[in-house]
Amino acid sequence: MTNTTQFSTSIGKRTIKSESNMRVSKPAANKILRVTEEYCEEIAETAIQIAENQGRETVRREDIRQALRQHR
């Protein structure tokens, strides 16, 4: 399975290993990266929409916070 995300496979492995002392397969690391990237894209899309709805061309930290609240 090829890593098709913008993140390194080692980041996925470290993310899983930070929660346990288990070894992590490359497919598992890639899967967590894909899920993380999809979630980040959803948050970004919502934050962009929030900024646009307020007539701004800049996404602010509060837009990200509001987007995160909406996705809980």
Protein backbone atom coordinates (compact mmCIF):
# COMPACT_ATOMS: atom_id res chain seq x y z
CA MET A 1 0.00 0.00 0.00
CA THR A 2 1.48 3.31 -1.10
CA ASN A 3 1.40 6.45 1.02
CA THR A 4 -0.72 8.92 -0.97
CA THR A 5 -0.93 11.62 1.70
CA GLN A 6 1.04 14.80 2.19
CA PHE A 7 2.46 13.37 5.41
CA SER A 8 5.35 10.99 5.98
CA THR A 9 4.64 7.36 6.94
CA SER A 10 6.96 7.83 9.92
CA ILE A 11 4.57 10.46 11.31
CA GLY A 12 1.75 7.90 11.19
CA LYS A 13 3.91 5.35 12.96
CA ARG A 14 4.92 7.84 15.66
CA THR A 15 1.29 8.84 16.14
CA ILE A 16 0.24 5.27 16.85
CA LYS A 17 3.37 4.43 18.87
CA SER A 18 2.80 7.45 21.10
CA GLU A 19 -0.27 5.64 22.45
CA SER A 20 1.38 2.24 22.92
CA ASN A 21 4.63 0.37 22.64
CA MET A 22 3.39 -1.76 19.74
CA ARG A 23 5.04 -2.04 16.37
CA VAL A 24 3.14 -0.38 13.54
CA SER A 25 2.77 -1.76 10.03
CA LYS A 26 3.20 0.53 7.06
CA PRO A 27 -0.44 0.01 5.93
CA ALA A 28 -1.67 0.95 9.42
CA ALA A 29 0.50 4.08 9.45
CA ASN A 30 -0.74 5.04 5.98
CA LYS A 31 -4.36 4.49 7.00
CA ILE A 32 -4.11 6.78 10.01
CA LEU A 33 -2.47 9.39 7.80
CA ARG A 34 -5.29 9.20 5.22
CA VAL A 35 -7.96 9.52 7.90
CA THR A 36 -6.11 12.44 9.52
CA GLU A 37 -5.69 14.21 6.21
CA GLU A 38 -9.38 13.76 5.34
CA TYR A 39 -10.38 15.19 8.74
CA CYS A 40 -8.04 18.17 8.30
CA GLU A 41 -9.48 18.81 4.84
CA GLU A 42 -13.03 18.81 6.25
CA ILE A 43 -12.05 21.26 8.98
CA ALA A 44 -10.27 23.50 6.46
CA GLU A 45 -13.27 23.51 4.10
CA THR A 46 -15.59 24.49 6.95
CA ALA A 47 -13.19 27.19 8.19
CA ILE A 48 -12.93 28.62 4.66
CA GLN A 49 -16.70 28.73 4.41
CA ILE A 50 -16.93 30.51 7.77
CA ALA A 51 -14.41 33.14 6.66
CA GLU A 52 -16.17 33.62 3.31
CA ASN A 53 -19.56 33.96 5.02
CA GLN A 54 -18.08 36.81 7.06
CA GLY A 55 -16.73 38.49 3.92
CA ARG A 56 -13.08 37.74 4.66
CA GLU A 57 -10.33 36.35 2.45
CA THR A 58 -8.29 35.19 5.44
CA VAL A 59 -8.99 32.11 7.56
CA ARG A 60 -8.40 32.99 11.20
CA ARG A 61 -7.72 30.84 14.24
CA GLU A 62 -11.25 31.42 15.47
CA ASP A 63 -12.58 30.05 12.15
CA ILE A 64 -10.65 26.83 12.79
CA ARG A 65 -11.98 26.68 16.35
CA GLN A 66 -15.54 27.16 15.15
CA ALA A 67 -15.08 24.54 12.43
CA LEU A 68 -13.75 22.08 15.01
CA ARG A 69 -16.80 22.69 17.22
CA GLN A 70 -19.10 22.07 14.25
CA HIS A 71 -17.42 18.73 13.49
CA ARG A 72 -17.67 17.29 17.00
